[in-house]
PDB file of N, CA and C in Angstrom:
ATOM      1  N   MET A   1      12.507 -14.111  33.034  1.00  0.00           N
ATOM      2  CA  MET A   1      11.788 -13.321  34.019  1.00  0.00           C
ATOM      3  C   MET A   1      10.921 -12.246  33.356  1.00  0.00           C
ATOM      4  N   VAL A   2      11.432 -11.637  32.281  1.00  0.00           N
ATOM      5  CA  VAL A   2      10.654 -10.631  31.561  1.00  0.00           C
ATOM      6  C   VAL A   2       9.416 -11.269  30.932  1.00  0.00           C
ATOM      7  N   ARG A   3       9.584 -12.480  30.386  1.00  0.00           N
ATOM      8  CA  ARG A   3       8.450 -13.183  29.786  1.00  0.00           C
ATOM      9  C   ARG A   3       7.329 -13.390  30.813  1.00  0.00           C
ATOM     10  N   TYR A   4       7.706 -13.710  32.019  1.00  0.00           N
ATOM     11  CA  TYR A   4       6.716 -13.917  33.074  1.00  0.00           C
ATOM     12  C   TYR A   4       5.904 -12.647  33.301  1.00  0.00           C
ATOM     13  N   TRP A   5       6.571 -11.504  33.388  1.00  0.00           N
ATOM     14  CA  TRP A   5       5.876 -10.249  33.649  1.00  0.00           C
ATOM     15  C   TRP A   5       5.025  -9.817  32.459  1.00  0.00           C
ATOM     16  N   VAL A   6       5.474 -10.100  31.250  1.00  0.00           N
ATOM     17  CA  VAL A   6       4.646  -9.830  30.074  1.00  0.00           C
ATOM     18  C   VAL A   6       3.412 -10.722  30.110  1.00  0.00           C
ATOM     19  N   PHE A   7       3.619 -11.996  30.437  1.00  0.00           N
ATOM     20  CA  PHE A   7       2.496 -12.926  30.556  1.00  0.00           C
ATOM     21  C   PHE A   7       1.502 -12.446  31.603  1.00  0.00           C
ATOM     22  N   MET A   8       1.981 -12.081  32.774  1.00  0.00           N
ATOM     23  CA  MET A   8       1.093 -11.634  33.854  1.00  0.00           C
ATOM     24  C   MET A   8       0.375 -10.338  33.472  1.00  0.00           C
ATOM     25  N   GLY A   9       1.094  -9.401  32.884  1.00  0.00           N
ATOM     26  CA  GLY A   9       0.471  -8.144  32.471  1.00  0.00           C
ATOM     27  C   GLY A   9      -0.600  -8.368  31.417  1.00  0.00           C
ATOM     28  N   ALA A  10      -0.306  -9.210  30.442  1.00  0.00           N
ATOM     29  CA  ALA A  10      -1.283  -9.508  29.391  1.00  0.00           C
ATOM     30  C   ALA A  10      -2.483 -10.245  29.962  1.00  0.00           C
ATOM     31  N   SER A  11      -2.232 -11.143  30.886  1.00  0.00           N
ATOM     32  CA  SER A  11      -3.314 -11.890  31.507  1.00  0.00           C
ATOM     33  C   SER A  11      -4.262 -10.958  32.256  1.00  0.00           C
ATOM     34  N   TRP A  12      -3.719 -10.051  33.042  1.00  0.00           N
ATOM     35  CA  TRP A  12      -4.545  -9.101  33.794  1.00  0.00           C
ATOM     36  C   TRP A  12      -5.235  -8.104  32.875  1.00  0.00           C
ATOM     37  N   MET A  13      -4.550  -7.676  31.824  1.00  0.00           N
ATOM     38  CA  MET A  13      -5.151  -6.749  30.877  1.00  0.00           C
ATOM     39  C   MET A  13      -6.324  -7.417  30.158  1.00  0.00           C
ATOM     40  N   GLY A  14      -6.140  -8.675  29.785  1.00  0.00           N
ATOM     41  CA  GLY A  14      -7.226  -9.412  29.144  1.00  0.00           C
ATOM     42  C   GLY A  14      -8.403  -9.611  30.072  1.00  0.00           C
ATOM     43  N   PHE A  15      -8.122  -9.934  31.321  1.00  0.00           N
ATOM     44  CA  PHE A  15      -9.182 -10.108  32.312  1.00  0.00           C
ATOM     45  C   PHE A  15      -9.953  -8.809  32.512  1.00  0.00           C
ATOM     46  N   ALA A  16      -9.232  -7.709  32.692  1.00  0.00           N
ATOM     47  CA  ALA A  16      -9.877  -6.417  32.935  1.00  0.00           C
ATOM     48  C   ALA A  16     -10.707  -5.969  31.734  1.00  0.00           C
ATOM     49  N   SER A  17     -10.166  -6.120  30.537  1.00  0.00           N
ATOM     50  CA  SER A  17     -10.920  -5.680  29.360  1.00  0.00           C
ATOM     51  C   SER A  17     -12.123  -6.581  29.100  1.00  0.00           C
ATOM     52  N   SER A  18     -12.012  -7.856  29.432  1.00  0.00           N
ATOM     53  CA  SER A  18     -13.176  -8.750  29.328  1.00  0.00           C
ATOM     54  C   SER A  18     -14.275  -8.317  30.295  1.00  0.00           C
ATOM     55  N   MET A  19     -13.889  -7.926  31.494  1.00  0.00           N
ATOM     56  CA  MET A  19     -14.861  -7.443  32.475  1.00  0.00           C
ATOM     57  C   MET A  19     -15.517  -6.147  32.003  1.00  0.00           C
ATOM     58  N   VAL A  20     -14.724  -5.234  31.455  1.00  0.00           N
ATOM     59  CA  VAL A  20     -15.275  -3.972  30.947  1.00  0.00           C
ATOM     60  C   VAL A  20     -16.272  -4.251  29.825  1.00  0.00           C
ATOM     61  N   MET A  21     -15.905  -5.146  28.913  1.00  0.00           N
ATOM     62  CA  MET A  21     -16.789  -5.477  27.804  1.00  0.00           C
ATOM     63  C   MET A  21     -18.087  -6.100  28.313  1.00  0.00           C
ATOM     64  N   THR A  22     -17.982  -7.052  29.226  1.00  0.00           N
ATOM     65  CA  THR A  22     -19.163  -7.717  29.760  1.00  0.00           C
ATOM     66  C   THR A  22     -20.074  -6.736  30.488  1.00  0.00           C
ATOM     67  N   LEU A  23     -19.492  -5.928  31.346  1.00  0.00           N
ATOM     68  CA  LEU A  23     -20.299  -4.949  32.087  1.00  0.00           C
ATOM     69  C   LEU A  23     -20.925  -3.921  31.157  1.00  0.00           C
ATOM     70  N   SER A  24     -20.192  -3.510  30.134  1.00  0.00           N
ATOM     71  CA  SER A  24     -20.743  -2.564  29.159  1.00  0.00           C
ATOM     72  C   SER A  24     -21.956  -3.150  28.457  1.00  0.00           C
ATOM     73  N   LEU A  25     -21.859  -4.410  28.084  1.00  0.00           N
ATOM     74  CA  LEU A  25     -22.993  -5.054  27.411  1.00  0.00           C
ATOM     75  C   LEU A  25     -24.160  -5.276  28.367  1.00  0.00           C
ATOM     76  N   LEU A  26     -23.860  -5.576  29.629  1.00  0.00           N
ATOM     77  CA  LEU A  26     -24.927  -5.797  30.612  1.00  0.00           C
ATOM     78  C   LEU A  26     -25.709  -4.523  30.925  1.00  0.00           C
ATOM     79  N   VAL A  27     -25.072  -3.371  30.817  1.00  0.00           N
ATOM     80  CA  VAL A  27     -25.792  -2.112  31.057  1.00  0.00           C
ATOM     81  C   VAL A  27     -26.364  -1.563  29.756  1.00  0.00           C
ATOM     82  N   ARG A  28     -26.424  -2.438  28.750  1.00  0.00           N
ATOM     83  CA  ARG A  28     -27.048  -2.152  27.462  1.00  0.00           C
ATOM     84  C   ARG A  28     -26.336  -1.072  26.657  1.00  0.00           C
ATOM     85  N   MET A  29     -25.019  -1.007  26.802  1.00  0.00           N
ATOM     86  CA  MET A  29     -24.251  -0.126  25.938  1.00  0.00           C
ATOM     87  C   MET A  29     -24.297  -0.725  24.528  1.00  0.00           C
ATOM     88  N   PRO A  30     -24.464   0.090  23.502  1.00  0.00           N
ATOM     89  CA  PRO A  30     -24.546  -0.458  22.143  1.00  0.00           C
ATOM     90  C   PRO A  30     -23.315  -1.283  21.781  1.00  0.00           C
ATOM     91  N   VAL A  31     -23.551  -2.379  21.079  1.00  0.00           N
ATOM     92  CA  VAL A  31     -22.458  -3.264  20.675  1.00  0.00           C
ATOM     93  C   VAL A  31     -21.444  -2.508  19.812  1.00  0.00           C
ATOM     94  N   ASP A  32     -21.920  -1.568  19.011  1.00  0.00           N
ATOM     95  CA  ASP A  32     -21.025  -0.800  18.145  1.00  0.00           C
ATOM     96  C   ASP A  32     -20.377   0.393  18.841  1.00  0.00           C
ATOM     97  N   SER A  33     -20.555   0.524  20.152  1.00  0.00           N
ATOM     98  CA  SER A  33     -19.918   1.645  20.846  1.00  0.00           C
ATOM     99  C   SER A  33     -18.404   1.436  20.887  1.00  0.00           C
ATOM    100  N   ARG A  34     -17.694   2.531  20.920  1.00  0.00           N
ATOM    101  CA  ARG A  34     -16.231   2.470  20.957  1.00  0.00           C
ATOM    102  C   ARG A  34     -15.748   1.711  22.184  1.00  0.00           C
ATOM    103  N   ASN A  35     -16.409   1.876  23.306  1.00  0.00           N
ATOM    104  CA  ASN A  35     -16.018   1.203  24.547  1.00  0.00           C
ATOM    105  C   ASN A  35     -16.081  -0.319  24.399  1.00  0.00           C
ATOM    106  N   VAL A  36     -17.170  -0.821  23.847  1.00  0.00           N
ATOM    107  CA  VAL A  36     -17.321  -2.271  23.675  1.00  0.00           C
ATOM    108  C   VAL A  36     -16.331  -2.788  22.640  1.00  0.00           C
ATOM    109  N   ARG A  37     -16.202  -2.075  21.523  1.00  0.00           N
ATOM    110  CA  ARG A  37     -15.290  -2.529  20.467  1.00  0.00           C
ATOM    111  C   ARG A  37     -13.835  -2.524  20.934  1.00  0.00           C
ATOM    112  N   TRP A  38     -13.418  -1.473  21.647  1.00  0.00           N
ATOM    113  CA  TRP A  38     -12.029  -1.395  22.113  1.00  0.00           C
ATOM    114  C   TRP A  38     -11.739  -2.482  23.145  1.00  0.00           C
ATOM    115  N   SER A  39     -12.663  -2.690  24.087  1.00  0.00           N
ATOM    116  CA  SER A  39     -12.422  -3.723  25.097  1.00  0.00           C
ATOM    117  C   SER A  39     -12.399  -5.109  24.463  1.00  0.00           C
ATOM    118  N   PHE A  40     -13.195  -5.326  23.420  1.00  0.00           N
ATOM    119  CA  PHE A  40     -13.147  -6.592  22.681  1.00  0.00           C
ATOM    120  C   PHE A  40     -11.770  -6.793  22.050  1.00  0.00           C
ATOM    121  N   ALA A  41     -11.278  -5.776  21.358  1.00  0.00           N
ATOM    122  CA  ALA A  41      -9.985  -5.888  20.679  1.00  0.00           C
ATOM    123  C   ALA A  41      -8.856  -6.150  21.671  1.00  0.00           C
ATOM    124  N   VAL A  42      -8.867  -5.454  22.792  1.00  0.00           N
ATOM    125  CA  VAL A  42      -7.826  -5.658  23.806  1.00  0.00           C
ATOM    126  C   VAL A  42      -7.951  -7.044  24.428  1.00  0.00           C
ATOM    127  N   ALA A  43      -9.166  -7.468  24.765  1.00  0.00           N
ATOM    128  CA  ALA A  43      -9.362  -8.776  25.396  1.00  0.00           C
ATOM    129  C   ALA A  43      -8.871  -9.909  24.502  1.00  0.00           C
ATOM    130  N   TYR A  44      -9.260  -9.885  23.243  1.00  0.00           N
ATOM    131  CA  TYR A  44      -8.887 -10.990  22.364  1.00  0.00           C
ATOM    132  C   TYR A  44      -7.429 -10.942  21.934  1.00  0.00           C
ATOM    133  N   SER A  45      -6.883  -9.738  21.757  1.00  0.00           N
ATOM    134  CA  SER A  45      -5.466  -9.679  21.378  1.00  0.00           C
ATOM    135  C   SER A  45      -4.574 -10.093  22.551  1.00  0.00           C
ATOM    136  N   THR A  46      -4.950  -9.741  23.784  1.00  0.00           N
ATOM    137  CA  THR A  46      -4.136 -10.172  24.926  1.00  0.00           C
ATOM    138  C   THR A  46      -4.279 -11.663  25.178  1.00  0.00           C
ATOM    139  N   LEU A  47      -5.395 -12.248  24.773  1.00  0.00           N
ATOM    140  CA  LEU A  47      -5.522 -13.708  24.824  1.00  0.00           C
ATOM    141  C   LEU A  47      -4.464 -14.343  23.927  1.00  0.00           C
ATOM    142  N   VAL A  48      -4.294 -13.769  22.748  1.00  0.00           N
ATOM    143  CA  VAL A  48      -3.247 -14.249  21.829  1.00  0.00           C
ATOM    144  C   VAL A  48      -1.875 -14.047  22.458  1.00  0.00           C
ATOM    145  N   LEU A  49      -1.639 -12.877  23.050  1.00  0.00           N
ATOM    146  CA  LEU A  49      -0.328 -12.596  23.651  1.00  0.00           C
ATOM    147  C   LEU A  49      -0.017 -13.563  24.790  1.00  0.00           C
ATOM    148  N   THR A  50      -0.969 -13.816  25.665  1.00  0.00           N
ATOM    149  CA  THR A  50      -0.689 -14.746  26.769  1.00  0.00           C
ATOM    150  C   THR A  50      -0.370 -16.137  26.250  1.00  0.00           C
ATOM    151  N   PHE A  51      -1.031 -16.539  25.170  1.00  0.00           N
ATOM    152  CA  PHE A  51      -0.748 -17.858  24.595  1.00  0.00           C
ATOM    153  C   PHE A  51       0.654 -17.903  23.987  1.00  0.00           C
ATOM    154  N   ILE A  52       1.006 -16.929  23.161  1.00  0.00           N
ATOM    155  CA  ILE A  52       2.307 -17.024  22.482  1.00  0.00           C
ATOM    156  C   ILE A  52       3.471 -16.784  23.430  1.00  0.00           C
ATOM    157  N   VAL A  53       3.269 -15.959  24.456  1.00  0.00           N
ATOM    158  CA  VAL A  53       4.351 -15.735  25.427  1.00  0.00           C
ATOM    159  C   VAL A  53       4.592 -16.989  26.254  1.00  0.00           C
ATOM    160  N   SER A  54       3.563 -17.796  26.443  1.00  0.00           N
ATOM    161  CA  SER A  54       3.725 -19.017  27.244  1.00  0.00           C
ATOM    162  C   SER A  54       4.428 -20.133  26.472  1.00  0.00           C
ATOM    163  N   GLN A  55       4.610 -19.970  25.185  1.00  0.00           N
ATOM    164  CA  GLN A  55       5.255 -21.007  24.380  1.00  0.00           C
ATOM    165  C   GLN A  55       6.774 -20.942  24.543  1.00  0.00           C
ATOM    166  N   PRO A  56       7.411 -22.074  24.673  1.00  0.00           N
ATOM    167  CA  PRO A  56       8.877 -22.060  24.811  1.00  0.00           C
ATOM    168  C   PRO A  56       9.549 -21.779  23.471  1.00  0.00           C
ATOM    169  N   ARG A  57      10.726 -21.267  23.550  1.00  0.00           N
ATOM    170  CA  ARG A  57      11.598 -21.054  22.390  1.00  0.00           C
ATOM    171  C   ARG A  57      11.055 -20.069  21.360  1.00  0.00           C
ATOM    172  N   THR A  58      10.369 -19.038  21.824  1.00  0.00           N
ATOM    173  CA  THR A  58       9.996 -17.962  20.917  1.00  0.00           C
ATOM    174  C   THR A  58      10.700 -16.693  21.387  1.00  0.00           C
ATOM    175  N   HIS A  59      10.869 -15.763  20.492  1.00  0.00           N
ATOM    176  CA  HIS A  59      11.517 -14.495  20.846  1.00  0.00           C
ATOM    177  C   HIS A  59      10.445 -13.526  21.330  1.00  0.00           C
ATOM    178  N   LEU A  60      10.687 -12.921  22.464  1.00  0.00           N
ATOM    179  CA  LEU A  60       9.710 -12.023  23.069  1.00  0.00           C
ATOM    180  C   LEU A  60       9.378 -10.863  22.143  1.00  0.00           C
ATOM    181  N   SER A  61      10.357 -10.323  21.459  1.00  0.00           N
ATOM    182  CA  SER A  61      10.087  -9.206  20.547  1.00  0.00           C
ATOM    183  C   SER A  61       9.159  -9.632  19.416  1.00  0.00           C
ATOM    184  N   LEU A  62       9.320 -10.830  18.918  1.00  0.00           N
ATOM    185  CA  LEU A  62       8.428 -11.341  17.875  1.00  0.00           C
ATOM    186  C   LEU A  62       7.026 -11.589  18.437  1.00  0.00           C
ATOM    187  N   ASP A  63       6.956 -12.086  19.654  1.00  0.00           N
ATOM    188  CA  ASP A  63       5.658 -12.298  20.300  1.00  0.00           C
ATOM    189  C   ASP A  63       4.887 -10.984  20.421  1.00  0.00           C
ATOM    190  N   ILE A  64       5.580  -9.936  20.833  1.00  0.00           N
ATOM    191  CA  ILE A  64       4.935  -8.631  20.991  1.00  0.00           C
ATOM    192  C   ILE A  64       4.547  -8.061  19.629  1.00  0.00           C
ATOM    193  N   LEU A  65       5.369  -8.287  18.620  1.00  0.00           N
ATOM    194  CA  LEU A  65       5.036  -7.847  17.267  1.00  0.00           C
ATOM    195  C   LEU A  65       3.771  -8.546  16.753  1.00  0.00           C
ATOM    196  N   VAL A  66       3.652  -9.841  17.005  1.00  0.00           N
ATOM    197  CA  VAL A  66       2.445 -10.580  16.622  1.00  0.00           C
ATOM    198  C   VAL A  66       1.238 -10.009  17.350  1.00  0.00           C
ATOM    199  N   TRP A  67       1.380  -9.706  18.634  1.00  0.00           N
ATOM    200  CA  TRP A  67       0.280  -9.127  19.408  1.00  0.00           C
ATOM    201  C   TRP A  67      -0.165  -7.787  18.828  1.00  0.00           C
ATOM    202  N   VAL A  68       0.786  -6.935  18.496  1.00  0.00           N
ATOM    203  CA  VAL A  68       0.453  -5.636  17.907  1.00  0.00           C
ATOM    204  C   VAL A  68      -0.277  -5.833  16.577  1.00  0.00           C
ATOM    205  N   ALA A  69       0.176  -6.792  15.773  1.00  0.00           N
ATOM    206  CA  ALA A  69      -0.474  -7.062  14.488  1.00  0.00           C
ATOM    207  C   ALA A  69      -1.904  -7.565  14.688  1.00  0.00           C
ATOM    208  N   VAL A  70      -2.113  -8.446  15.653  1.00  0.00           N
ATOM    209  CA  VAL A  70      -3.460  -8.956  15.937  1.00  0.00           C
ATOM    210  C   VAL A  70      -4.350  -7.824  16.435  1.00  0.00           C
ATOM    211  N   LEU A  71      -3.830  -6.996  17.334  1.00  0.00           N
ATOM    212  CA  LEU A  71      -4.596  -5.860  17.847  1.00  0.00           C
ATOM    213  C   LEU A  71      -4.981  -4.915  16.712  1.00  0.00           C
ATOM    214  N   ALA A  72      -4.038  -4.607  15.832  1.00  0.00           N
ATOM    215  CA  ALA A  72      -4.316  -3.715  14.696  1.00  0.00           C
ATOM    216  C   ALA A  72      -5.356  -4.332  13.763  1.00  0.00           C
ATOM    217  N   PHE A  73      -5.234  -5.625  13.478  1.00  0.00           N
ATOM    218  CA  PHE A  73      -6.204  -6.300  12.612  1.00  0.00           C
ATOM    219  C   PHE A  73      -7.592  -6.266  13.229  1.00  0.00           C
ATOM    220  N   LEU A  74      -7.686  -6.593  14.513  1.00  0.00           N
ATOM    221  CA  LEU A  74      -8.993  -6.580  15.176  1.00  0.00           C
ATOM    222  C   LEU A  74      -9.599  -5.185  15.174  1.00  0.00           C
ATOM    223  N   TRP A  75      -8.783  -4.186  15.509  1.00  0.00           N
ATOM    224  CA  TRP A  75      -9.306  -2.823  15.552  1.00  0.00           C
ATOM    225  C   TRP A  75      -9.755  -2.371  14.163  1.00  0.00           C
ATOM    226  N   PHE A  76      -8.963  -2.678  13.146  1.00  0.00           N
ATOM    227  CA  PHE A  76      -9.346  -2.327  11.773  1.00  0.00           C
ATOM    228  C   PHE A  76     -10.657  -3.008  11.404  1.00  0.00           C
ATOM    229  N   THR A  77     -10.768  -4.277  11.690  1.00  0.00           N
ATOM    230  CA  THR A  77     -11.958  -5.033  11.311  1.00  0.00           C
ATOM    231  C   THR A  77     -13.200  -4.543  12.033  1.00  0.00           C
ATOM    232  N   ILE A  78     -13.113  -4.307  13.323  1.00  0.00           N
ATOM    233  CA  ILE A  78     -14.299  -3.871  14.056  1.00  0.00           C
ATOM    234  C   ILE A  78     -14.612  -2.403  13.827  1.00  0.00           C
ATOM    235  N   SER A  79     -13.720  -1.668  13.194  1.00  0.00           N
ATOM    236  CA  SER A  79     -13.990  -0.271  12.863  1.00  0.00           C
ATOM    237  C   SER A  79     -14.773  -0.140  11.556  1.00  0.00           C
ATOM    238  N   LEU A  80     -14.863  -1.214  10.809  1.00  0.00           N
ATOM    239  CA  LEU A  80     -15.595  -1.191   9.542  1.00  0.00           C
ATOM    240  C   LEU A  80     -17.105  -1.181   9.791  1.00  0.00           C
ATOM    241  N   ARG A  81     -17.850  -0.829   8.775  1.00  0.00           N
ATOM    242  CA  ARG A  81     -19.309  -0.899   8.868  1.00  0.00           C
ATOM    243  C   ARG A  81     -19.720  -2.359   9.059  1.00  0.00           C
ATOM    244  N   PRO A  82     -20.841  -2.586   9.733  1.00  0.00           N
ATOM    245  CA  PRO A  82     -21.261  -3.968  10.036  1.00  0.00           C
ATOM    246  C   PRO A  82     -21.334  -4.886   8.820  1.00  0.00           C
ATOM    247  N   GLU A  83     -21.811  -4.391   7.687  1.00  0.00           N
ATOM    248  CA  GLU A  83     -21.910  -5.267   6.512  1.00  0.00           C
ATOM    249  C   GLU A  83     -20.542  -5.663   5.975  1.00  0.00           C
ATOM    250  N   ARG A  84     -19.554  -4.767   6.055  1.00  0.00           N
ATOM    251  CA  ARG A  84     -18.189  -5.110   5.643  1.00  0.00           C
ATOM    252  C   ARG A  84     -17.573  -6.107   6.619  1.00  0.00           C
ATOM    253  N   ARG A  85     -17.835  -5.890   7.920  1.00  0.00           N
ATOM    254  CA  ARG A  85     -17.351  -6.813   8.946  1.00  0.00           C
ATOM    255  C   ARG A  85     -17.880  -8.218   8.702  1.00  0.00           C
ATOM    256  N   ALA A  86     -19.151  -8.310   8.356  1.00  0.00           N
ATOM    257  CA  ALA A  86     -19.766  -9.611   8.113  1.00  0.00           C
ATOM    258  C   ALA A  86     -19.110 -10.306   6.923  1.00  0.00           C
ATOM    259  N   LYS A  87     -18.797  -9.557   5.880  1.00  0.00           N
ATOM    260  CA  LYS A  87     -18.142 -10.151   4.706  1.00  0.00           C
ATOM    261  C   LYS A  87     -16.749 -10.661   5.052  1.00  0.00           C
ATOM    262  N   ILE A  88     -16.004  -9.897   5.849  1.00  0.00           N
ATOM    263  CA  ILE A  88     -14.658 -10.324   6.251  1.00  0.00           C
ATOM    264  C   ILE A  88     -14.746 -11.571   7.126  1.00  0.00           C
ATOM    265  N   ALA A  89     -15.663 -11.575   8.087  1.00  0.00           N
ATOM    266  CA  ALA A  89     -15.824 -12.745   8.958  1.00  0.00           C
ATOM    267  C   ALA A  89     -16.221 -13.973   8.156  1.00  0.00           C
ATOM    268  N   GLN A  90     -17.102 -13.789   7.179  1.00  0.00           N
ATOM    269  CA  GLN A  90     -17.515 -14.911   6.351  1.00  0.00           C
ATOM    270  C   GLN A  90     -16.354 -15.428   5.512  1.00  0.00           C
ATOM    271  N   ALA A  91     -15.549 -14.528   4.979  1.00  0.00           N
ATOM    272  CA  ALA A  91     -14.407 -14.938   4.164  1.00  0.00           C
ATOM    273  C   ALA A  91     -13.374 -15.692   5.008  1.00  0.00           C
ATOM    274  N   ILE A  92     -13.147 -15.241   6.238  1.00  0.00           N
ATOM    275  CA  ILE A  92     -12.155 -15.890   7.103  1.00  0.00           C
ATOM    276  C   ILE A  92     -12.667 -17.232   7.614  1.00  0.00           C
ATOM    277  N   CYS A  93     -13.910 -17.255   8.078  1.00  0.00           N
ATOM    278  CA  CYS A  93     -14.443 -18.452   8.725  1.00  0.00           C
ATOM    279  C   CYS A  93     -15.043 -19.482   7.757  1.00  0.00           C
ATOM    280  N   CYS A  94     -15.658 -18.995   6.719  1.00  0.00           N
ATOM    281  CA  CYS A  94     -16.449 -19.910   5.871  1.00  0.00           C
ATOM    282  C   CYS A  94     -15.927 -20.004   4.440  1.00  0.00           C
ATOM    283  N   GLY A  95     -14.842 -19.388   4.153  1.00  0.00           N
ATOM    284  CA  GLY A  95     -14.370 -19.346   2.771  1.00  0.00           C
ATOM    285  C   GLY A  95     -15.124 -18.258   2.029  1.00  0.00           C
ATOM    286  N   HIS A  96     -14.720 -17.973   0.827  1.00  0.00           N
ATOM    287  CA  HIS A  96     -15.334 -16.904   0.061  1.00  0.00           C
ATOM    288  C   HIS A  96     -16.387 -17.499  -0.875  1.00  0.00           C
ATOM    289  N   ASN A  97     -17.651 -17.496  -0.463  1.00  0.00           N
ATOM    290  CA  ASN A  97     -18.746 -18.113  -1.221  1.00  0.00           C
ATOM    291  C   ASN A  97     -19.755 -17.082  -1.696  1.00  0.00           C
ATOM    292  N   SER A  98     -19.327 -15.895  -2.123  1.00  0.00           N
ATOM    293  CA  SER A  98     -20.339 -14.926  -2.541  1.00  0.00           C
ATOM    294  C   SER A  98     -20.602 -14.941  -4.005  1.00  0.00           C
TER     295      SER A  98
END
């Protein structure tokens, strides 16, 4: 029953933060603004949380720990200067070809 409420809370939090991010971008808020970056981090980390909480036979405490780690990683990465962010994204997605 607790897993269900965590799933529902994460689902709604992800939906709300996605809406905030979209509306912020539509009103031409800068992509590097704290509002856009924070809503991005929350939206994508809660996407991860809803997925892992929906999996059978996992421990809820571990699921929440993974979510916190993903949120921290996203926030750290998007807090970097754009050129550093690009290097990290390239290393993760395309391998390290510099």
